[in-house]
Amino acid sequence: MRFSFVTLFPNLIKGYFSDSILKRAVEDEKISIDFYNPRDFTNDKHNRVDAPMVGGGAGMLMTPQPLMDTLKYVRETAPKAHVVFLSPVAKTFRQNDAKRLAKKEHIVLVSGRYEGIDERVIETYADELFSIGDFILTGGELASMVVCDAISRNVDTVLGNSASLSEESFEEGLLEAPAFTKPKNYEGNEVISEFLKGNHSKITDLKRELALCKTKYFRPDLYKKV
Protein backbone atom coordinates (compact mmCIF):
# COMPACT_ATOMS: atom_id res chain seq x y z
CA MET A 1 0.00 0.00 0.00
CA ARG A 2 1.24 3.46 -0.86
CA PHE A 3 1.06 6.54 1.37
CA SER A 4 1.85 9.98 -0.03
CA PHE A 5 2.22 12.95 2.30
CA VAL A 6 1.53 16.45 1.00
CA THR A 7 3.42 18.66 3.45
CA LEU A 8 5.66 21.69 3.71
CA PHE A 9 7.79 19.83 6.26
CA PRO A 10 8.52 16.25 5.14
CA ASN A 11 11.35 15.88 7.65
CA LEU A 12 8.80 16.02 10.46
CA ILE A 13 7.32 12.79 9.12
CA LYS A 14 10.27 10.80 7.74
CA GLY A 15 11.72 9.93 11.15
CA TYR A 16 8.54 8.18 12.23
CA PHE A 17 9.22 5.41 9.72
CA SER A 18 12.83 4.84 10.78
CA ASP A 19 12.05 2.47 13.66
CA SER A 20 9.82 -0.33 14.84
CA ILE A 21 6.88 -1.93 13.01
CA LEU A 22 6.43 0.67 10.29
CA LYS A 23 10.15 0.60 9.45
CA ARG A 24 9.86 -3.16 8.88
CA ALA A 25 6.69 -2.65 6.86
CA VAL A 26 8.53 -0.24 4.55
CA GLU A 27 11.58 -2.50 4.28
CA ASP A 28 9.36 -5.51 3.49
CA GLU A 29 7.48 -3.40 0.90
CA LYS A 30 4.14 -3.90 2.63
CA ILE A 31 3.74 -0.13 2.61
CA SER A 32 5.59 2.64 0.80
CA ILE A 33 6.05 6.29 1.75
CA ASP A 34 6.64 9.32 -0.45
CA PHE A 35 6.27 13.09 -0.23
CA TYR A 36 5.03 16.09 -2.20
CA ASN A 37 6.02 19.56 -1.04
CA PRO A 38 3.74 22.38 -2.26
CA ARG A 39 6.75 24.71 -2.29
CA ASP A 40 8.05 22.71 -5.24
CA PHE A 41 4.91 23.69 -7.18
CA THR A 42 4.52 27.37 -6.28
CA ASN A 43 4.60 30.04 -8.97
CA ASP A 44 5.49 32.76 -6.48
CA LYS A 45 8.91 34.27 -7.16
CA HIS A 46 9.62 34.35 -3.42
CA ASN A 47 8.58 30.71 -3.05
CA ARG A 48 5.65 31.65 -0.81
CA VAL A 49 2.73 29.35 -0.23
CA ASP A 50 0.68 31.50 2.19
CA ALA A 51 -1.23 34.77 2.16
CA PRO A 52 -3.53 36.84 4.42
CA MET A 53 -7.15 35.73 4.65
CA VAL A 54 -9.71 37.57 2.55
CA GLY A 55 -12.14 39.40 4.82
CA GLY A 56 -9.62 39.70 7.61
CA GLY A 57 -8.58 37.39 10.41
CA ALA A 58 -5.49 36.55 12.38
CA GLY A 59 -2.70 34.59 10.73
CA MET A 60 -2.02 33.38 7.21
CA LEU A 61 -3.70 30.78 5.01
CA MET A 62 -2.22 28.28 2.55
CA THR A 63 -2.99 29.65 -0.92
CA PRO A 64 -4.73 27.65 -3.67
CA GLN A 65 -2.17 27.58 -6.47
CA PRO A 66 0.66 25.51 -4.92
CA LEU A 67 -1.69 22.93 -3.41
CA MET A 68 -3.95 22.81 -6.46
CA ASP A 69 -1.01 22.16 -8.75
CA THR A 70 0.44 19.59 -6.34
CA LEU A 71 -2.79 17.62 -6.18
CA LYS A 72 -3.41 17.98 -9.90
CA TYR A 73 -0.01 16.36 -10.49
CA VAL A 74 -0.88 13.59 -8.00
CA ARG A 75 -4.18 12.89 -9.75
CA GLU A 76 -2.52 12.82 -13.18
CA THR A 77 0.26 10.45 -12.12
CA ALA A 78 -1.74 8.33 -9.68
CA PRO A 79 -5.40 8.10 -10.79
CA LYS A 80 -6.32 5.71 -7.96
CA ALA A 81 -5.12 8.06 -5.23
CA HIS A 82 -7.61 8.61 -2.40
CA VAL A 83 -7.04 12.14 -1.10
CA VAL A 84 -7.57 12.78 2.62
CA PHE A 85 -7.30 16.21 4.23
CA LEU A 86 -6.59 16.52 7.95
CA SER A 87 -8.54 19.31 9.60
CA PRO A 88 -10.17 20.09 12.95
CA VAL A 89 -13.23 21.07 10.87
CA ALA A 90 -14.12 17.49 9.95
CA LYS A 91 -15.61 14.27 11.25
CA THR A 92 -13.57 12.33 13.80
CA PHE A 93 -11.31 9.58 12.48
CA ARG A 94 -12.37 6.19 13.88
CA GLN A 95 -11.06 2.62 13.91
CA ASN A 96 -13.64 1.62 11.31
CA ASP A 97 -12.22 4.28 9.00
CA ALA A 98 -8.73 2.83 9.48
CA LYS A 99 -9.94 -0.66 8.59
CA ARG A 100 -11.88 0.57 5.56
CA LEU A 101 -9.03 2.70 4.19
CA ALA A 102 -6.54 -0.15 4.65
CA LYS A 103 -8.15 -1.72 1.59
CA LYS A 104 -7.20 1.20 -0.65
CA GLU A 105 -4.18 1.06 -2.95
CA HIS A 106 -2.98 4.62 -2.43
CA ILE A 107 -3.77 7.17 0.31
CA VAL A 108 -2.71 10.82 -0.03
CA LEU A 109 -2.61 12.69 3.29
CA VAL A 110 -2.71 16.49 3.03
CA SER A 111 -1.31 18.44 5.98
CA GLY A 112 -2.36 22.02 6.51
CA ARG A 113 -0.22 24.74 8.09
CA TYR A 114 -0.67 28.29 9.38
CA GLU A 115 -4.41 28.94 9.88
CA GLY A 116 -5.37 26.22 7.45
CA ILE A 117 -6.02 25.71 3.73
CA ASP A 118 -8.02 27.78 1.26
CA GLU A 119 -11.42 26.06 1.16
CA ARG A 120 -11.42 25.88 -2.63
CA VAL A 121 -8.59 23.35 -2.54
CA ILE A 122 -10.57 21.10 -0.23
CA GLU A 123 -13.74 21.40 -2.29
CA THR A 124 -11.85 20.50 -5.47
CA TYR A 125 -9.66 17.62 -4.34
CA ALA A 126 -10.83 16.09 -1.04
CA ASP A 127 -12.22 12.57 -1.12
CA GLU A 128 -12.51 12.66 2.66
CA LEU A 129 -11.77 14.98 5.59
CA PHE A 130 -10.82 13.79 9.07
CA SER A 131 -10.09 15.28 12.46
CA ILE A 132 -8.17 13.31 15.11
CA GLY A 133 -9.82 15.17 17.99
CA ASP A 134 -11.26 18.36 19.37
CA PHE A 135 -8.01 20.27 19.71
CA ILE A 136 -5.74 22.40 17.52
CA LEU A 137 -2.21 21.51 16.41
CA THR A 138 0.44 23.74 14.82
CA GLY A 139 0.15 21.71 11.63
CA GLY A 140 -1.43 18.63 10.10
CA GLU A 141 1.69 16.46 10.03
CA LEU A 142 1.04 14.79 13.38
CA ALA A 143 -2.55 14.09 12.39
CA SER A 144 -1.37 12.62 9.07
CA MET A 145 1.02 10.30 10.89
CA VAL A 146 -1.71 9.20 13.29
CA VAL A 147 -4.01 8.32 10.40
CA CYS A 148 -1.22 6.59 8.47
CA ASP A 149 -0.21 4.53 11.51
CA ALA A 150 -3.79 3.45 12.22
CA ILE A 151 -4.37 2.44 8.60
CA SER A 152 -0.99 0.72 8.18
CA ARG A 153 -1.44 -1.68 11.08
CA ASN A 154 -4.66 -2.89 9.43
CA VAL A 155 -2.88 -3.70 6.17
CA ASP A 156 -2.45 -7.46 5.78
CA THR A 157 0.71 -8.88 7.41
CA VAL A 158 2.01 -5.53 8.72
CA LEU A 159 1.43 -6.80 12.26
CA GLY A 160 3.17 -10.05 13.05
CA ASN A 161 0.14 -11.48 14.83
CA SER A 162 -3.13 -10.69 13.09
CA ALA A 163 -5.07 -11.85 16.16
CA SER A 164 -3.89 -8.67 17.89
CA LEU A 165 -6.31 -6.67 15.76
CA SER A 166 -9.39 -8.58 16.89
CA GLU A 167 -8.62 -8.07 20.59
CA GLU A 168 -8.04 -4.32 20.53
CA SER A 169 -10.15 -1.41 21.71
CA PHE A 170 -13.10 -0.39 19.52
CA GLU A 171 -13.34 -3.73 17.70
CA GLU A 172 -16.70 -4.44 19.38
CA GLY A 173 -17.42 -0.86 20.30
CA LEU A 174 -15.67 -1.35 23.65
CA LEU A 175 -12.39 -0.28 25.17
CA GLU A 176 -9.90 -3.11 25.61
CA ALA A 177 -9.91 -4.99 28.93
CA PRO A 178 -6.96 -4.57 31.32
CA ALA A 179 -3.91 -6.67 30.40
CA PHE A 180 -1.10 -8.05 32.56
CA THR A 181 2.26 -9.81 32.28
CA LYS A 182 4.64 -11.57 34.68
CA PRO A 183 5.42 -11.47 37.56
CA LYS A 184 2.01 -12.28 39.02
CA ASN A 185 2.86 -10.18 42.08
CA TYR A 186 4.79 -6.94 41.71
CA GLU A 187 5.35 -4.84 44.81
CA GLY A 188 2.12 -6.11 46.32
CA ASN A 189 0.02 -5.63 43.19
CA GLU A 190 -1.30 -8.95 41.90
CA VAL A 191 -2.61 -10.09 38.54
CA ILE A 192 -6.33 -10.93 38.60
CA SER A 193 -6.35 -14.53 39.83
CA GLU A 194 -8.81 -15.81 37.21
CA PHE A 195 -6.31 -14.90 34.49
CA LEU A 196 -3.86 -17.42 35.94
CA LYS A 197 -6.13 -20.48 36.05
CA GLY A 198 -6.07 -21.37 32.36
CA ASN A 199 -9.85 -21.54 31.88
CA HIS A 200 -10.03 -19.63 28.61
CA SER A 201 -13.82 -19.50 28.51
CA LYS A 202 -13.97 -17.84 31.93
CA ILE A 203 -11.09 -15.53 31.02
CA THR A 204 -12.94 -14.43 27.87
CA ASP A 205 -16.12 -13.71 29.84
CA LEU A 206 -14.19 -11.82 32.51
CA LYS A 207 -12.33 -9.75 29.92
CA ARG A 208 -15.61 -8.72 28.34
CA GLU A 209 -17.04 -7.78 31.72
CA LEU A 210 -13.94 -5.71 32.50
CA ALA A 211 -14.08 -4.11 29.05
CA LEU A 212 -17.67 -3.09 29.72
CA CYS A 213 -16.69 -1.60 33.09
CA LYS A 214 -13.76 0.29 31.58
CA THR A 215 -15.87 1.61 28.71
CA LYS A 216 -18.65 2.71 31.07
CA TYR A 217 -16.16 4.65 33.20
CA PHE A 218 -13.93 6.22 30.53
CA ARG A 219 -16.25 6.40 27.50
CA PRO A 220 -19.91 6.49 28.55
CA ASP A 221 -20.76 7.61 25.01
CA LEU A 222 -19.53 4.27 23.65
CA TYR A 223 -21.10 2.31 26.49
CA LYS A 224 -24.56 3.69 25.66
CA LYS A 225 -24.22 2.38 22.11
CA VAL A 226 -23.26 -1.10 23.32
C-alpha atoms as a PDB file:
ATOM      1  CA  MET A   1       0.000   0.000   0.000  1.00  0.00           C
ATOM      2  CA  ARG A   2       1.243   3.464  -0.857  1.00  0.00           C
ATOM      3  CA  PHE A   3       1.061   6.540   1.372  1.00  0.00           C
ATOM      4  CA  SER A   4       1.851   9.983  -0.028  1.00  0.00           C
ATOM      5  CA  PHE A   5       2.223  12.947   2.301  1.00  0.00           C
ATOM      6  CA  VAL A   6       1.533  16.453   1.003  1.00  0.00           C
ATOM      7  CA  THR A   7       3.416  18.655   3.446  1.00  0.00           C
ATOM      8  CA  LEU A   8       5.657  21.694   3.709  1.00  0.00           C
ATOM      9  CA  PHE A   9       7.790  19.826   6.264  1.00  0.00           C
ATOM     10  CA  PRO A  10       8.516  16.253   5.137  1.00  0.00           C
ATOM     11  CA  ASN A  11      11.347  15.883   7.653  1.00  0.00           C
ATOM     12  CA  LEU A  12       8.796  16.017  10.459  1.00  0.00           C
ATOM     13  CA  ILE A  13       7.316  12.786   9.121  1.00  0.00           C
ATOM     14  CA  LYS A  14      10.269  10.803   7.743  1.00  0.00           C
ATOM     15  CA  GLY A  15      11.715   9.934  11.147  1.00  0.00           C
ATOM     16  CA  TYR A  16       8.535   8.178  12.226  1.00  0.00           C
ATOM     17  CA  PHE A  17       9.218   5.415   9.719  1.00  0.00           C
ATOM     18  CA  SER A  18      12.828   4.844  10.780  1.00  0.00           C
ATOM     19  CA  ASP A  19      12.052   2.474  13.661  1.00  0.00           C
ATOM     20  CA  SER A  20       9.817  -0.328  14.844  1.00  0.00           C
ATOM     21  CA  ILE A  21       6.882  -1.927  13.008  1.00  0.00           C
ATOM     22  CA  LEU A  22       6.432   0.668  10.292  1.00  0.00           C
ATOM     23  CA  LYS A  23      10.147   0.604   9.453  1.00  0.00           C
ATOM     24  CA  ARG A  24       9.860  -3.157   8.878  1.00  0.00           C
ATOM     25  CA  ALA A  25       6.692  -2.649   6.864  1.00  0.00           C
ATOM     26  CA  VAL A  26       8.533  -0.242   4.546  1.00  0.00           C
ATOM     27  CA  GLU A  27      11.580  -2.499   4.278  1.00  0.00           C
ATOM     28  CA  ASP A  28       9.360  -5.507   3.486  1.00  0.00           C
ATOM     29  CA  GLU A  29       7.483  -3.404   0.895  1.00  0.00           C
ATOM     30  CA  LYS A  30       4.145  -3.895   2.629  1.00  0.00           C
ATOM     31  CA  ILE A  31       3.737  -0.132   2.605  1.00  0.00           C
ATOM     32  CA  SER A  32       5.586   2.638   0.796  1.00  0.00           C
ATOM     33  CA  ILE A  33       6.053   6.290   1.755  1.00  0.00           C
ATOM     34  CA  ASP A  34       6.644   9.323  -0.453  1.00  0.00           C
ATOM     35  CA  PHE A  35       6.269  13.090  -0.235  1.00  0.00           C
ATOM     36  CA  TYR A  36       5.032  16.086  -2.202  1.00  0.00           C
ATOM     37  CA  ASN A  37       6.022  19.558  -1.041  1.00  0.00           C
ATOM     38  CA  PRO A  38       3.742  22.378  -2.263  1.00  0.00           C
ATOM     39  CA  ARG A  39       6.754  24.712  -2.291  1.00  0.00           C
ATOM     40  CA  ASP A  40       8.050  22.711  -5.241  1.00  0.00           C
ATOM     41  CA  PHE A  41       4.910  23.686  -7.175  1.00  0.00           C
ATOM     42  CA  THR A  42       4.520  27.365  -6.277  1.00  0.00           C
ATOM     43  CA  ASN A  43       4.601  30.036  -8.967  1.00  0.00           C
ATOM     44  CA  ASP A  44       5.488  32.758  -6.482  1.00  0.00           C
ATOM     45  CA  LYS A  45       8.910  34.270  -7.161  1.00  0.00           C
ATOM     46  CA  HIS A  46       9.622  34.355  -3.419  1.00  0.00           C
ATOM     47  CA  ASN A  47       8.579  30.711  -3.051  1.00  0.00           C
ATOM     48  CA  ARG A  48       5.654  31.650  -0.814  1.00  0.00           C
ATOM     49  CA  VAL A  49       2.731  29.346  -0.225  1.00  0.00           C
ATOM     50  CA  ASP A  50       0.683  31.496   2.193  1.00  0.00           C
ATOM     51  CA  ALA A  51      -1.233  34.774   2.163  1.00  0.00           C
ATOM     52  CA  PRO A  52      -3.529  36.836   4.415  1.00  0.00           C
ATOM     53  CA  MET A  53      -7.149  35.734   4.649  1.00  0.00           C
ATOM     54  CA  VAL A  54      -9.713  37.567   2.554  1.00  0.00           C
ATOM     55  CA  GLY A  55     -12.136  39.398   4.818  1.00  0.00           C
ATOM     56  CA  GLY A  56      -9.621  39.701   7.612  1.00  0.00           C
ATOM     57  CA  GLY A  57      -8.583  37.388  10.407  1.00  0.00           C
ATOM     58  CA  ALA A  58      -5.494  36.546  12.384  1.00  0.00           C
ATOM     59  CA  GLY A  59      -2.701  34.591  10.726  1.00  0.00           C
ATOM     60  CA  MET A  60      -2.017  33.385   7.208  1.00  0.00           C
ATOM     61  CA  LEU A  61      -3.696  30.784   5.013  1.00  0.00           C
ATOM     62  CA  MET A  62      -2.218  28.282   2.553  1.00  0.00           C
ATOM     63  CA  THR A  63      -2.989  29.655  -0.918  1.00  0.00           C
ATOM     64  CA  PRO A  64      -4.731  27.648  -3.667  1.00  0.00           C
ATOM     65  CA  GLN A  65      -2.174  27.580  -6.473  1.00  0.00           C
ATOM     66  CA  PRO A  66       0.659  25.513  -4.923  1.00  0.00           C
ATOM     67  CA  LEU A  67      -1.687  22.926  -3.415  1.00  0.00           C
ATOM     68  CA  MET A  68      -3.953  22.811  -6.456  1.00  0.00           C
ATOM     69  CA  ASP A  69      -1.005  22.162  -8.746  1.00  0.00           C
ATOM     70  CA  THR A  70       0.441  19.590  -6.344  1.00  0.00           C
ATOM     71  CA  LEU A  71      -2.785  17.621  -6.177  1.00  0.00           C
ATOM     72  CA  LYS A  72      -3.406  17.984  -9.900  1.00  0.00           C
ATOM     73  CA  TYR A  73      -0.012  16.355 -10.489  1.00  0.00           C
ATOM     74  CA  VAL A  74      -0.877  13.589  -8.002  1.00  0.00           C
ATOM     75  CA  ARG A  75      -4.180  12.887  -9.752  1.00  0.00           C
ATOM     76  CA  GLU A  76      -2.517  12.817 -13.181  1.00  0.00           C
ATOM     77  CA  THR A  77       0.263  10.455 -12.120  1.00  0.00           C
ATOM     78  CA  ALA A  78      -1.743   8.333  -9.685  1.00  0.00           C
ATOM     79  CA  PRO A  79      -5.401   8.099 -10.789  1.00  0.00           C
ATOM     80  CA  LYS A  80      -6.325   5.706  -7.961  1.00  0.00           C
ATOM     81  CA  ALA A  81      -5.117   8.055  -5.234  1.00  0.00           C
ATOM     82  CA  HIS A  82      -7.614   8.610  -2.402  1.00  0.00           C
ATOM     83  CA  VAL A  83      -7.041  12.141  -1.101  1.00  0.00           C
ATOM     84  CA  VAL A  84      -7.569  12.779   2.617  1.00  0.00           C
ATOM     85  CA  PHE A  85      -7.299  16.209   4.229  1.00  0.00           C
ATOM     86  CA  LEU A  86      -6.592  16.516   7.948  1.00  0.00           C
ATOM     87  CA  SER A  87      -8.539  19.310   9.598  1.00  0.00           C
ATOM     88  CA  PRO A  88     -10.172  20.087  12.950  1.00  0.00           C
ATOM     89  CA  VAL A  89     -13.225  21.066  10.874  1.00  0.00           C
ATOM     90  CA  ALA A  90     -14.121  17.494   9.947  1.00  0.00           C
ATOM     91  CA  LYS A  91     -15.613  14.273  11.246  1.00  0.00           C
ATOM     92  CA  THR A  92     -13.574  12.330  13.798  1.00  0.00           C
ATOM     93  CA  PHE A  93     -11.314   9.577  12.484  1.00  0.00           C
ATOM     94  CA  ARG A  94     -12.367   6.185  13.878  1.00  0.00           C
ATOM     95  CA  GLN A  95     -11.057   2.620  13.910  1.00  0.00           C
ATOM     96  CA  ASN A  96     -13.645   1.622  11.310  1.00  0.00           C
ATOM     97  CA  ASP A  97     -12.218   4.277   8.998  1.00  0.00           C
ATOM     98  CA  ALA A  98      -8.728   2.834   9.477  1.00  0.00           C
ATOM     99  CA  LYS A  99      -9.941  -0.664   8.586  1.00  0.00           C
ATOM    100  CA  ARG A 100     -11.876   0.575   5.558  1.00  0.00           C
ATOM    101  CA  LEU A 101      -9.029   2.702   4.194  1.00  0.00           C
ATOM    102  CA  ALA A 102      -6.536  -0.153   4.654  1.00  0.00           C
ATOM    103  CA  LYS A 103      -8.151  -1.724   1.591  1.00  0.00           C
ATOM    104  CA  LYS A 104      -7.197   1.199  -0.652  1.00  0.00           C
ATOM    105  CA  GLU A 105      -4.179   1.061  -2.948  1.00  0.00           C
ATOM    106  CA  HIS A 106      -2.976   4.623  -2.427  1.00  0.00           C
ATOM    107  CA  ILE A 107      -3.773   7.169   0.311  1.00  0.00           C
ATOM    108  CA  VAL A 108      -2.709  10.823  -0.028  1.00  0.00           C
ATOM    109  CA  LEU A 109      -2.614  12.694   3.292  1.00  0.00           C
ATOM    110  CA  VAL A 110      -2.710  16.490   3.030  1.00  0.00           C
ATOM    111  CA  SER A 111      -1.308  18.436   5.985  1.00  0.00           C
ATOM    112  CA  GLY A 112      -2.365  22.018   6.509  1.00  0.00           C
ATOM    113  CA  ARG A 113      -0.222  24.741   8.093  1.00  0.00           C
ATOM    114  CA  TYR A 114      -0.667  28.290   9.378  1.00  0.00           C
ATOM    115  CA  GLU A 115      -4.414  28.942   9.881  1.00  0.00           C
ATOM    116  CA  GLY A 116      -5.373  26.218   7.447  1.00  0.00           C
ATOM    117  CA  ILE A 117      -6.024  25.707   3.734  1.00  0.00           C
ATOM    118  CA  ASP A 118      -8.020  27.780   1.257  1.00  0.00           C
ATOM    119  CA  GLU A 119     -11.417  26.062   1.162  1.00  0.00           C
ATOM    120  CA  ARG A 120     -11.424  25.876  -2.631  1.00  0.00           C
ATOM    121  CA  VAL A 121      -8.587  23.349  -2.545  1.00  0.00           C
ATOM    122  CA  ILE A 122     -10.566  21.097  -0.228  1.00  0.00           C
ATOM    123  CA  GLU A 123     -13.743  21.397  -2.294  1.00  0.00           C
ATOM    124  CA  THR A 124     -11.849  20.505  -5.465  1.00  0.00           C
ATOM    125  CA  TYR A 125      -9.655  17.617  -4.344  1.00  0.00           C
ATOM    126  CA  ALA A 126     -10.826  16.095  -1.043  1.00  0.00           C
ATOM    127  CA  ASP A 127     -12.223  12.572  -1.121  1.00  0.00           C
ATOM    128  CA  GLU A 128     -12.508  12.664   2.662  1.00  0.00           C
ATOM    129  CA  LEU A 129     -11.769  14.980   5.593  1.00  0.00           C
ATOM    130  CA  PHE A 130     -10.822  13.791   9.067  1.00  0.00           C
ATOM    131  CA  SER A 131     -10.091  15.277  12.462  1.00  0.00           C
ATOM    132  CA  ILE A 132      -8.173  13.311  15.106  1.00  0.00           C
ATOM    133  CA  GLY A 133      -9.816  15.169  17.987  1.00  0.00           C
ATOM    134  CA  ASP A 134     -11.259  18.362  19.371  1.00  0.00           C
ATOM    135  CA  PHE A 135      -8.011  20.271  19.715  1.00  0.00           C
ATOM    136  CA  ILE A 136      -5.743  22.396  17.516  1.00  0.00           C
ATOM    137  CA  LEU A 137      -2.213  21.514  16.409  1.00  0.00           C
ATOM    138  CA  THR A 138       0.440  23.738  14.820  1.00  0.00           C
ATOM    139  CA  GLY A 139       0.152  21.705  11.628  1.00  0.00           C
ATOM    140  CA  GLY A 140      -1.431  18.634  10.100  1.00  0.00           C
ATOM    141  CA  GLU A 141       1.692  16.461  10.030  1.00  0.00           C
ATOM    142  CA  LEU A 142       1.040  14.794  13.379  1.00  0.00           C
ATOM    143  CA  ALA A 143      -2.546  14.093  12.388  1.00  0.00           C
ATOM    144  CA  SER A 144      -1.371  12.625   9.073  1.00  0.00           C
ATOM    145  CA  MET A 145       1.019  10.304  10.886  1.00  0.00           C
ATOM    146  CA  VAL A 146      -1.709   9.198  13.290  1.00  0.00           C
ATOM    147  CA  VAL A 147      -4.014   8.317  10.405  1.00  0.00           C
ATOM    148  CA  CYS A 148      -1.217   6.586   8.472  1.00  0.00           C
ATOM    149  CA  ASP A 149      -0.210   4.528  11.506  1.00  0.00           C
ATOM    150  CA  ALA A 150      -3.793   3.454  12.217  1.00  0.00           C
ATOM    151  CA  ILE A 151      -4.372   2.443   8.604  1.00  0.00           C
ATOM    152  CA  SER A 152      -0.995   0.717   8.184  1.00  0.00           C
ATOM    153  CA  ARG A 153      -1.443  -1.680  11.085  1.00  0.00           C
ATOM    154  CA  ASN A 154      -4.655  -2.889   9.431  1.00  0.00           C
ATOM    155  CA  VAL A 155      -2.883  -3.698   6.167  1.00  0.00           C
ATOM    156  CA  ASP A 156      -2.455  -7.458   5.778  1.00  0.00           C
ATOM    157  CA  THR A 157       0.708  -8.878   7.405  1.00  0.00           C
ATOM    158  CA  VAL A 158       2.005  -5.526   8.722  1.00  0.00           C
ATOM    159  CA  LEU A 159       1.435  -6.798  12.256  1.00  0.00           C
ATOM    160  CA  GLY A 160       3.172 -10.048  13.054  1.00  0.00           C
ATOM    161  CA  ASN A 161       0.140 -11.480  14.833  1.00  0.00           C
ATOM    162  CA  SER A 162      -3.125 -10.687  13.088  1.00  0.00           C
ATOM    163  CA  ALA A 163      -5.065 -11.851  16.161  1.00  0.00           C
ATOM    164  CA  SER A 164      -3.885  -8.667  17.885  1.00  0.00           C
ATOM    165  CA  LEU A 165      -6.312  -6.673  15.757  1.00  0.00           C
ATOM    166  CA  SER A 166      -9.387  -8.582  16.892  1.00  0.00           C
ATOM    167  CA  GLU A 167      -8.625  -8.070  20.586  1.00  0.00           C
ATOM    168  CA  GLU A 168      -8.041  -4.319  20.533  1.00  0.00           C
ATOM    169  CA  SER A 169     -10.148  -1.406  21.710  1.00  0.00           C
ATOM    170  CA  PHE A 170     -13.104  -0.394  19.516  1.00  0.00           C
ATOM    171  CA  GLU A 171     -13.336  -3.734  17.698  1.00  0.00           C
ATOM    172  CA  GLU A 172     -16.697  -4.438  19.382  1.00  0.00           C
ATOM    173  CA  GLY A 173     -17.418  -0.865  20.299  1.00  0.00           C
ATOM    174  CA  LEU A 174     -15.670  -1.350  23.646  1.00  0.00           C
ATOM    175  CA  LEU A 175     -12.385  -0.285  25.172  1.00  0.00           C
ATOM    176  CA  GLU A 176      -9.896  -3.111  25.609  1.00  0.00           C
ATOM    177  CA  ALA A 177      -9.911  -4.991  28.932  1.00  0.00           C
ATOM    178  CA  PRO A 178      -6.957  -4.568  31.323  1.00  0.00           C
ATOM    179  CA  ALA A 179      -3.910  -6.669  30.403  1.00  0.00           C
ATOM    180  CA  PHE A 180      -1.095  -8.050  32.560  1.00  0.00           C
ATOM    181  CA  THR A 181       2.258  -9.806  32.282  1.00  0.00           C
ATOM    182  CA  LYS A 182       4.642 -11.568  34.683  1.00  0.00           C
ATOM    183  CA  PRO A 183       5.420 -11.470  37.564  1.00  0.00           C
ATOM    184  CA  LYS A 184       2.013 -12.276  39.022  1.00  0.00           C
ATOM    185  CA  ASN A 185       2.863 -10.178  42.080  1.00  0.00           C
ATOM    186  CA  TYR A 186       4.791  -6.942  41.705  1.00  0.00           C
ATOM    187  CA  GLU A 187       5.352  -4.845  44.808  1.00  0.00           C
ATOM    188  CA  GLY A 188       2.117  -6.109  46.321  1.00  0.00           C
ATOM    189  CA  ASN A 189       0.019  -5.629  43.190  1.00  0.00           C
ATOM    190  CA  GLU A 190      -1.297  -8.946  41.895  1.00  0.00           C
ATOM    191  CA  VAL A 191      -2.608 -10.088  38.545  1.00  0.00           C
ATOM    192  CA  ILE A 192      -6.331 -10.927  38.602  1.00  0.00           C
ATOM    193  CA  SER A 193      -6.346 -14.530  39.827  1.00  0.00           C
ATOM    194  CA  GLU A 194      -8.806 -15.811  37.212  1.00  0.00           C
ATOM    195  CA  PHE A 195      -6.313 -14.900  34.489  1.00  0.00           C
ATOM    196  CA  LEU A 196      -3.859 -17.419  35.944  1.00  0.00           C
ATOM    197  CA  LYS A 197      -6.130 -20.477  36.046  1.00  0.00           C
ATOM    198  CA  GLY A 198      -6.071 -21.372  32.357  1.00  0.00           C
ATOM    199  CA  ASN A 199      -9.845 -21.537  31.876  1.00  0.00           C
ATOM    200  CA  HIS A 200     -10.031 -19.628  28.608  1.00  0.00           C
ATOM    201  CA  SER A 201     -13.823 -19.501  28.512  1.00  0.00           C
ATOM    202  CA  LYS A 202     -13.967 -17.839  31.933  1.00  0.00           C
ATOM    203  CA  ILE A 203     -11.087 -15.531  31.017  1.00  0.00           C
ATOM    204  CA  THR A 204     -12.935 -14.434  27.873  1.00  0.00           C
ATOM    205  CA  ASP A 205     -16.115 -13.712  29.841  1.00  0.00           C
ATOM    206  CA  LEU A 206     -14.187 -11.820  32.506  1.00  0.00           C
ATOM    207  CA  LYS A 207     -12.331  -9.752  29.918  1.00  0.00           C
ATOM    208  CA  ARG A 208     -15.614  -8.719  28.335  1.00  0.00           C
ATOM    209  CA  GLU A 209     -17.041  -7.780  31.724  1.00  0.00           C
ATOM    210  CA  LEU A 210     -13.943  -5.711  32.505  1.00  0.00           C
ATOM    211  CA  ALA A 211     -14.077  -4.113  29.054  1.00  0.00           C
ATOM    212  CA  LEU A 212     -17.670  -3.092  29.725  1.00  0.00           C
ATOM    213  CA  CYS A 213     -16.687  -1.599  33.091  1.00  0.00           C
ATOM    214  CA  LYS A 214     -13.764   0.291  31.584  1.00  0.00           C
ATOM    215  CA  THR A 215     -15.866   1.611  28.713  1.00  0.00           C
ATOM    216  CA  LYS A 216     -18.653   2.714  31.067  1.00  0.00           C
ATOM    217  CA  TYR A 217     -16.156   4.650  33.196  1.00  0.00           C
ATOM    218  CA  PHE A 218     -13.934   6.220  30.534  1.00  0.00           C
ATOM    219  CA  ARG A 219     -16.248   6.400  27.499  1.00  0.00           C
ATOM    220  CA  PRO A 220     -19.912   6.490  28.548  1.00  0.00           C
ATOM    221  CA  ASP A 221     -20.758   7.614  25.013  1.00  0.00           C
ATOM    222  CA  LEU A 222     -19.527   4.270  23.646  1.00  0.00           C
ATOM    223  CA  TYR A 223     -21.103   2.307  26.486  1.00  0.00           C
ATOM    224  CA  LYS A 224     -24.562   3.687  25.662  1.00  0.00           C
ATOM    225  CA  LYS A 225     -24.222   2.377  22.107  1.00  0.00           C
ATOM    226  CA  VAL A 226     -23.257  -1.096  23.324  1.00  0.00           C
END
